[in-house]
Protein backbone atom coordinates (compact mmCIF):
# COMPACT_ATOMS: atom_id res chain seq x y z
CA MET A 1 14.70 -21.43 20.24
CA ALA A 2 12.13 -20.71 17.25
CA LEU A 3 9.51 -17.50 18.16
CA SER A 4 6.41 -19.89 17.01
CA PRO A 5 3.31 -18.72 16.96
CA LEU A 6 3.43 -15.12 15.51
CA LEU A 7 0.38 -13.29 14.96
CA LEU A 8 0.07 -10.21 12.62
CA ALA A 9 -3.06 -8.23 12.60
CA SER A 10 -5.17 -5.61 11.68
CA VAL A 11 -8.59 -4.69 11.03
CA LEU A 12 -9.25 -2.25 7.66
CA LYS A 13 -6.57 -4.12 5.36
CA PRO A 14 -7.37 -7.60 3.59
CA LEU A 15 -6.18 -10.62 4.44
CA ASP A 16 -4.57 -10.35 1.42
CA ASP A 17 -2.60 -7.63 2.09
CA THR A 18 0.31 -6.77 0.28
CA ARG A 19 2.30 -5.45 3.30
CA MET A 20 0.97 -7.74 6.28
CA TYR A 21 0.45 -11.22 4.34
CA GLY A 22 2.49 -10.45 1.27
CA LYS A 23 5.41 -9.37 2.66
CA PHE A 24 5.62 -9.97 6.20
CA GLY A 25 3.45 -13.02 6.31
CA ARG A 26 4.97 -14.94 3.54
CA THR A 27 8.74 -13.72 4.83
CA LEU A 28 8.39 -15.12 8.32
CA ALA A 29 6.35 -18.68 6.70
CA SER A 30 9.26 -19.04 4.47
CA ARG A 31 10.85 -21.00 7.71
CA PRO A 32 8.78 -23.81 8.71
CA ASP A 33 9.23 -24.04 12.29
CA LEU A 34 7.33 -20.74 12.34
CA ASP A 35 3.49 -20.76 13.44
CA VAL A 36 2.33 -17.60 11.47
CA HIS A 37 -1.05 -16.28 11.87
CA VAL A 38 -2.42 -13.53 9.90
CA ALA A 39 -5.95 -11.65 11.12
CA GLY A 40 -7.48 -8.75 9.35
CA ARG A 41 -10.66 -7.69 6.88
CA ARG A 42 -12.30 -10.86 5.18
CA ALA A 43 -10.64 -11.75 1.77
CA PRO A 44 -10.20 -14.64 -0.07
CA ARG A 45 -7.34 -17.05 1.22
CA PRO A 46 -4.39 -17.14 -1.58
CA GLU A 47 -4.20 -20.49 -3.29
CA ASN A 48 -0.67 -20.61 -3.20
CA ALA A 49 -0.60 -19.72 0.46
CA PRO A 50 2.05 -21.84 2.44
CA PRO A 51 0.62 -24.52 4.83
CA ASN A 52 2.40 -22.23 7.92
CA LEU A 53 0.36 -19.56 7.50
CA HIS A 54 -3.24 -19.09 8.67
CA THR A 55 -5.54 -16.37 8.06
CA HIS A 56 -8.40 -15.36 10.50
CA GLU A 57 -11.70 -12.96 10.01
CA LEU A 58 -11.80 -9.74 11.88
CA LEU A 59 -13.72 -7.77 9.99
CA ALA A 60 -16.72 -8.55 6.97
CA GLY A 61 -18.75 -5.21 7.17
CA SER A 62 -17.50 -1.72 5.93
CA ARG A 63 -15.12 0.68 8.17
CA LEU A 64 -17.85 2.79 9.79
CA SER A 65 -19.84 -0.61 10.78
CA LEU A 66 -20.68 -2.04 14.11
CA GLY A 67 -18.22 -4.62 13.02
CA ARG A 68 -15.32 -2.42 13.90
CA LEU A 69 -16.12 -3.12 17.42
CA VAL A 70 -17.08 -6.59 16.98
CA ALA A 71 -12.82 -7.27 15.56
CA GLN A 72 -12.17 -5.92 18.79
CA TRP A 73 -13.76 -9.20 20.68
CA ARG A 74 -12.47 -11.68 17.79
CA TYR A 75 -8.67 -9.75 18.23
CA TRP A 76 -8.76 -10.55 22.07
CA GLN A 77 -9.86 -14.16 21.15
CA LEU A 78 -7.24 -14.94 19.02
CA LEU A 79 -5.00 -13.73 21.17
CA LYS A 80 -6.27 -16.38 23.79
CA GLN A 81 -6.63 -18.82 20.83
CA VAL A 82 -2.95 -18.74 19.22
CA LYS A 83 -1.06 -17.77 22.56
CA PRO A 84 1.03 -16.03 20.24
CA ARG A 85 4.70 -15.06 21.42
CA LEU A 86 5.02 -12.18 19.00
CA VAL A 87 2.31 -9.94 17.48
CA ILE A 88 2.93 -7.47 14.97
CA VAL A 89 0.21 -5.18 15.20
CA HIS A 90 -0.72 -3.71 11.71
CA ALA A 91 -3.12 -1.06 12.64
CA PRO A 92 -3.61 1.83 15.90
CA GLU A 93 -7.38 0.43 16.99
CA LEU A 94 -5.69 -2.79 18.02
CA LEU A 95 -2.92 -1.19 20.38
CA PRO A 96 -5.12 -0.69 23.46
CA LEU A 97 -6.08 -4.64 23.81
CA THR A 98 -2.05 -5.65 22.56
CA LEU A 99 -0.85 -3.83 25.75
CA LEU A 100 -3.60 -5.43 27.78
CA TRP A 101 -2.72 -8.80 26.36
CA ARG A 102 1.02 -7.68 27.05
CA SER A 103 0.67 -6.86 30.62
CA LEU A 104 -0.98 -10.59 31.38
CA GLY A 105 2.56 -11.87 32.16
CA GLY A 106 4.85 -14.12 30.34
CA GLU A 107 6.78 -13.87 27.31
CA ARG A 108 5.12 -11.93 25.56
CA HIS A 109 6.31 -9.11 22.55
CA PHE A 110 4.86 -7.01 20.25
CA VAL A 111 5.83 -4.98 17.26
CA TYR A 112 3.96 -2.04 16.04
CA ASP A 113 4.04 -1.62 12.35
CA VAL A 114 3.42 2.16 11.36
CA ARG A 115 1.88 2.17 8.28
CA GLU A 116 0.70 5.67 8.61
CA ASN A 117 0.63 8.73 10.15
CA TYR A 118 -3.07 8.27 11.60
CA ALA A 119 -3.31 11.15 13.37
CA LEU A 120 -2.61 13.50 10.68
CA ASN A 121 -4.39 11.41 8.22
CA ILE A 122 -7.33 11.67 9.88
CA LEU A 123 -7.16 15.08 10.41
CA THR A 124 -6.69 16.19 7.21
CA GLN A 125 -8.34 13.87 4.78
CA GLN A 126 -12.17 13.77 4.59
CA VAL A 127 -12.93 10.09 5.60
CA TYR A 128 -14.96 10.74 9.26
CA PRO A 129 -17.37 13.28 9.74
CA SER A 130 -15.55 16.29 10.81
CA TRP A 131 -16.86 16.54 14.60
CA LEU A 132 -15.10 13.19 14.64
CA ARG A 133 -11.66 13.28 13.73
CA ARG A 134 -10.07 15.82 16.33
CA ILE A 135 -11.39 13.00 19.16
CA LEU A 136 -10.25 9.74 16.78
CA ALA A 137 -6.39 11.94 15.92
CA SER A 138 -6.34 12.21 19.92
CA LEU A 139 -6.80 8.77 20.95
CA VAL A 140 -4.93 7.11 18.23
CA ARG A 141 -1.88 9.32 19.31
CA ARG A 142 -2.28 8.58 22.45
CA ALA A 143 -2.97 5.02 21.91
CA GLU A 144 0.75 4.92 20.05
CA LYS A 145 2.43 6.56 22.36
CA ALA A 146 1.86 4.16 25.49
CA ALA A 147 2.06 1.50 22.88
CA ALA A 148 5.79 2.66 21.76
CA ARG A 149 7.07 2.71 25.10
CA ARG A 150 6.31 -1.35 25.67
CA ALA A 151 6.76 -2.28 22.04
CA ALA A 152 10.13 -4.40 21.36
CA LYS A 153 10.31 -2.60 18.12
CA ILE A 154 8.48 0.36 15.99
CA ILE A 155 8.77 -0.35 12.55
CA LEU A 156 8.05 2.46 10.24
CA ALA A 157 7.07 2.53 6.66
CA GLU A 158 8.33 5.39 5.31
CA ARG A 159 11.33 7.55 6.04
CA SER A 160 9.60 10.41 6.84
CA TYR A 161 7.69 9.38 10.05
CA ALA A 162 11.36 9.22 11.86
CA ASP A 163 10.71 12.90 11.92
CA GLU A 164 7.15 13.45 12.23
CA LEU A 165 6.23 10.97 14.87
CA PRO A 166 7.31 11.98 18.35
CA PHE A 167 7.61 8.34 19.47
CA ALA A 168 9.66 7.27 17.07
CA THR A 169 12.89 7.30 18.35
CA ALA A 170 15.89 6.37 16.60
CA GLU A 171 16.66 3.49 19.17
CA ARG A 172 13.81 2.28 18.85
CA THR A 173 12.57 2.23 15.67
CA VAL A 174 13.64 0.55 11.90
CA ILE A 175 12.42 1.59 8.85
CA LEU A 176 10.53 -1.30 6.03
CA GLU A 177 9.61 0.60 2.91
CA ASN A 178 7.15 -1.09 1.30
CA LYS A 179 8.73 -2.15 -1.76
CA TYR A 180 7.95 -4.89 -3.95
CA GLN A 181 7.25 -8.66 -3.12
CA PRO A 182 6.62 -10.96 -6.48
CA GLN A 183 4.44 -13.66 -6.06
CA PRO A 184 6.24 -17.50 -5.74
CA GLY A 185 6.54 -18.51 -9.01
CA GLU A 186 6.14 -14.53 -10.67
CA ALA A 187 8.48 -14.07 -13.88
CA VAL A 188 10.00 -10.77 -13.27
CA PRO A 189 10.81 -8.65 -16.19
CA THR A 190 14.21 -7.82 -16.86
CA GLN A 191 13.65 -4.82 -19.18
CA ALA A 192 11.10 -2.13 -19.53
CA ARG A 193 7.79 -2.61 -21.23
CA PRO A 194 8.03 -1.43 -24.99
CA ILE A 195 6.07 2.05 -25.69
CA PRO A 196 3.75 1.04 -29.05
CA GLU A 197 3.24 2.80 -32.17
CA PRO A 198 1.67 6.08 -32.30
CA ASP A 199 -2.00 3.79 -34.17
CA ALA A 200 -2.02 1.13 -31.72
CA PRO A 201 -3.56 1.26 -28.34
CA LEU A 202 -1.77 2.94 -25.80
CA GLN A 203 -2.64 1.39 -21.84
CA LEU A 204 -2.50 3.88 -19.13
CA LEU A 205 -3.01 2.69 -15.85
CA TYR A 206 -4.00 4.44 -12.40
CA SER A 207 -4.20 1.41 -9.69
CA GLY A 208 -4.47 1.34 -5.88
CA THR A 209 -6.47 3.35 -3.55
CA ILE A 210 -9.22 5.58 -5.87
CA SER A 211 -9.32 9.29 -4.24
CA LYS A 212 -9.33 12.56 -4.85
CA LEU A 213 -6.25 12.68 -2.82
CA ASN A 214 -4.68 10.05 -5.03
CA GLY A 215 -5.54 11.92 -8.14
CA VAL A 216 -7.76 9.49 -10.14
CA PHE A 217 -9.60 12.86 -11.44
CA GLU A 218 -7.01 13.75 -12.79
CA ALA A 219 -5.63 10.50 -14.25
CA ILE A 220 -9.40 10.99 -16.16
CA GLY A 221 -8.41 14.30 -17.57
CA PHE A 222 -5.41 13.98 -18.75
CA ALA A 223 -5.93 10.41 -20.37
CA GLN A 224 -8.82 12.47 -22.39
CA LYS A 225 -6.25 15.43 -22.94
CA LEU A 226 -3.93 12.76 -24.20
CA ARG A 227 -6.38 11.22 -26.69
CA GLU A 228 -6.16 14.39 -29.04
CA GLN A 229 -2.62 12.74 -29.70
CA TRP A 230 -2.90 9.37 -29.54
CA PRO A 231 -6.50 8.50 -30.24
CA ALA A 232 -6.31 4.64 -28.88
CA ALA A 233 -4.84 6.02 -25.38
CA HIS A 234 -7.08 4.00 -22.71
CA LEU A 235 -7.05 4.06 -19.23
CA THR A 236 -7.63 1.32 -16.90
CA ILE A 237 -8.73 2.40 -13.12
CA ILE A 238 -8.10 -0.75 -10.89
CA GLY A 239 -8.38 -0.76 -6.88
CA PHE A 240 -10.79 0.15 -4.26
CA CYS A 241 -12.67 3.78 -2.96
CA GLN A 242 -13.73 4.15 0.42
CA GLN A 243 -15.66 7.33 -0.75
CA PRO A 244 -19.40 6.44 -1.69
CA GLU A 245 -19.63 9.80 -3.38
CA VAL A 246 -16.18 9.73 -5.24
CA LEU A 247 -17.27 6.07 -6.10
CA ALA A 248 -20.71 7.38 -7.54
CA GLN A 249 -18.94 10.42 -9.40
CA LEU A 250 -16.06 8.18 -11.35
CA GLN A 251 -18.69 5.38 -11.99
CA ALA A 252 -21.08 8.39 -13.76
CA ILE A 253 -17.86 9.03 -15.97
CA VAL A 254 -16.76 5.82 -17.10
CA ALA A 255 -19.86 5.14 -17.98
CA ALA A 256 -20.32 7.95 -20.72
CA ASP A 257 -16.49 7.48 -21.45
CA PRO A 258 -15.68 4.38 -23.92
CA GLY A 259 -11.78 4.98 -23.54
CA ILE A 260 -11.72 4.36 -19.43
CA THR A 261 -12.11 0.92 -17.58
CA LEU A 262 -12.94 0.81 -13.87
CA ILE A 263 -12.09 -2.67 -11.99
CA GLY A 264 -13.17 -2.89 -8.51
CA GLY A 265 -14.10 0.22 -7.18
CA GLY A 266 -16.88 -0.60 -4.28
CA GLU A 267 -14.71 -3.59 -4.09
CA LEU A 268 -11.54 -5.08 -2.81
CA ILE A 269 -8.93 -6.59 -5.79
CA PRO A 270 -6.88 -9.35 -5.12
CA HIS A 271 -3.24 -7.58 -5.82
CA ALA A 272 -2.25 -10.44 -8.47
CA ARG A 273 -5.29 -8.74 -10.38
CA ILE A 274 -3.46 -5.39 -9.93
CA VAL A 275 0.21 -7.10 -11.03
CA ALA A 276 -1.60 -8.74 -13.91
CA GLU A 277 -2.83 -4.65 -15.19
CA ILE A 278 0.51 -3.59 -14.51
CA GLN A 279 2.37 -6.16 -16.80
CA ARG A 280 -0.14 -5.24 -19.59
CA SER A 281 -0.21 -1.34 -19.30
CA HIS A 282 2.28 0.79 -21.19
CA LEU A 283 2.50 3.98 -18.59
CA GLY A 284 1.54 4.23 -15.05
CA LEU A 285 0.60 7.21 -13.53
CA LEU A 286 1.13 8.70 -10.25
CA PRO A 287 -0.72 11.73 -10.43
CA TYR A 288 -1.33 12.22 -6.65
CA GLN A 289 -2.09 15.62 -5.09
CA HIS A 290 -0.32 17.89 -3.11
CA HIS A 291 -1.67 17.20 0.76
CA PRO A 292 -0.37 16.62 4.28
CA SER A 293 -0.88 13.33 4.60
CA SER A 294 1.05 12.34 1.39
CA ALA A 295 3.51 15.02 0.49
CA ARG A 296 6.59 13.31 2.19
CA CYS A 297 5.50 9.31 1.26
CA MET A 298 6.66 7.16 -1.11
CA PRO A 299 3.54 5.43 -2.72
CA THR A 300 3.62 1.70 -3.14
CA LYS A 301 2.44 1.62 -6.79
CA LEU A 302 5.95 3.52 -7.07
CA PHE A 303 7.66 -0.08 -6.39
CA GLU A 304 5.53 -1.89 -7.75
CA TYR A 305 5.83 -0.23 -11.26
CA LEU A 306 9.73 0.37 -11.11
CA ALA A 307 9.68 -3.72 -10.07
CA ASN A 308 7.49 -4.51 -13.48
CA GLY A 309 9.48 -1.89 -15.79
CA LEU A 310 6.82 0.33 -16.20
CA PRO A 311 7.57 3.64 -17.55
CA ILE A 312 5.84 6.15 -14.98
CA LEU A 313 4.56 9.58 -15.35
CA THR A 314 4.68 11.54 -12.41
CA PRO A 315 4.19 15.34 -11.36
CA PRO A 316 7.68 17.29 -11.83
CA ALA A 317 7.69 18.43 -8.03
CA ALA A 318 6.97 15.29 -6.10
CA LEU A 319 8.86 13.59 -3.36
CA TRP A 320 9.42 10.30 -5.68
CA THR A 321 10.24 12.13 -8.90
CA ASP A 322 13.63 12.39 -8.63
CA VAL A 323 13.90 8.97 -7.66
CA VAL A 324 12.13 8.33 -10.82
CA ASN A 325 14.17 10.66 -13.05
CA GLU A 326 17.43 8.86 -11.51
CA LEU A 327 16.49 5.74 -12.56
CA GLN A 328 15.44 7.12 -16.03
CA ALA A 329 12.21 4.97 -15.55
CA GLY A 330 9.58 7.56 -16.32
CA MET A 331 8.61 11.29 -17.69
CA ASN A 332 7.68 14.68 -16.23
CA VAL A 333 4.11 16.08 -16.62
CA THR A 334 1.47 17.96 -15.58
CA PHE A 335 -1.89 16.81 -14.48
CA ARG A 336 -3.48 19.22 -14.09
CA PRO A 337 -5.40 21.52 -16.49
CA PRO A 338 -4.33 23.17 -18.89
CA PHE A 339 -2.51 19.94 -19.42
CA GLU A 340 1.20 20.89 -20.89
CA THR A 341 1.24 17.57 -23.29
CA PRO A 342 2.89 19.40 -26.57
CA ASN A 343 4.23 16.66 -28.42
CA PHE A 344 3.90 13.93 -25.88
CA ALA A 345 3.70 10.85 -28.42
CA GLU A 346 6.69 12.21 -29.74
CA ARG A 347 8.58 12.44 -26.84
CA LEU A 348 7.12 9.39 -25.22
CA ARG A 349 8.28 7.21 -28.21
CA ALA A 350 11.64 8.94 -28.07
CA HIS A 351 12.26 8.32 -24.85
CA HIS A 352 14.50 5.25 -23.20
CA PHE A 353 13.13 3.95 -20.27
CA TYR A 354 15.13 1.69 -17.50
CA PRO A 355 18.67 2.00 -20.31
CA ARG A 356 20.36 0.46 -16.73
CA GLY A 357 17.53 -2.68 -16.69
CA ILE A 358 15.01 -3.11 -13.71
CA PRO A 359 16.64 -1.73 -10.60
CA PRO A 360 17.19 -4.15 -7.73
CA GLU A 361 16.51 -1.36 -4.87
CA ALA A 362 12.91 -1.69 -5.99
CA PHE A 363 12.27 -5.09 -4.29
CA TRP A 364 11.21 -5.98 -0.88
CA ALA A 365 14.57 -8.34 -0.72
CA SER A 366 16.36 -5.69 0.81
CA GLU A 367 13.99 -5.07 3.28
CA ALA A 368 12.89 -8.72 4.40
CA PRO A 369 17.15 -9.04 6.51
CA LYS A 370 16.54 -6.25 8.80
CA LEU A 371 12.29 -7.75 9.84
CA TRP A 372 14.55 -11.48 10.67
CA GLN A 373 16.60 -8.85 12.88
CA ILE A 374 13.78 -7.71 14.61
CA VAL A 375 11.83 -11.51 14.95
CA ASP A 376 15.55 -13.15 15.87
CA SER A 377 16.26 -11.03 18.31
CA LEU A 378 13.30 -11.92 20.45
CA SER A 379 13.76 -15.74 19.85
């Protein structure tokens, strides 16, 4: 008997989120007998959404608004309306109501998708006020431990979480990495994007979450220094910044530097728009700062760049550097001053990227069967 309907839910992730909607939702909706519902933060419904994939808005405001409380009520109403037999929870704040829903009886299952080490991130990142961090981290970890005892499965977005999270026991967990899922009808390249001549424009790209920890200011400094060797080098920054002070600083820099373009910043950007920038760029930058919350994580943009044959610039000692070097997909550079870029333009032109073609291990197709195994085991 088919397991239908299914509900995938988050609060802060947009309705067109690349993991919840693009990977989990589209994969599950590929079976027409499944009725798939995705709930999250307000975003336009993708035009090419399958007819059996439905979206529901839980949050329209900011992460620090009262809308977070309203989202809880909307989620509970959605559980009663949809009557799912399986819920995939993509946000820890939805776990308490999910546990309550499951306790009411009937054939009900839920899976918890751990996308981040949330407690560690709350403690070490400066998103919330300092007085609130320890309280929130403790509440999140308690909810996760309670959920882990009752969940049908725990999904981990990162391999490292299996060691970091005390509730992630081997027999209960499945790792589904954030690999690249092409849009329907998207033409995936078969070889690396060529590097232009030194007198032509060189398009550098910083994509995804815009923050200090993700190295946006290092990307800017590197691009400005590179213009000494490649005057037509241009940096495009595309993504969403959730910290107003960082966004204001970034906007001031961009306003004074015509060699930098900012797309988004204060608003969410559709993933298709980000992919379009990847496909028109020559170099993808991964200038992450070393930080406990990201030191053992593989950036989603790494898989996006690999799948699109985009040459990558990465720090020499990052977790993913070995992957980039093994695939000959990029070069190691120093993103912090003093920028070590002697003869960089010459070395860039001489480097042969992706000699074995686009790596198949960068794609979601290797992860989708593991998701089906979980769903089919509950039908």
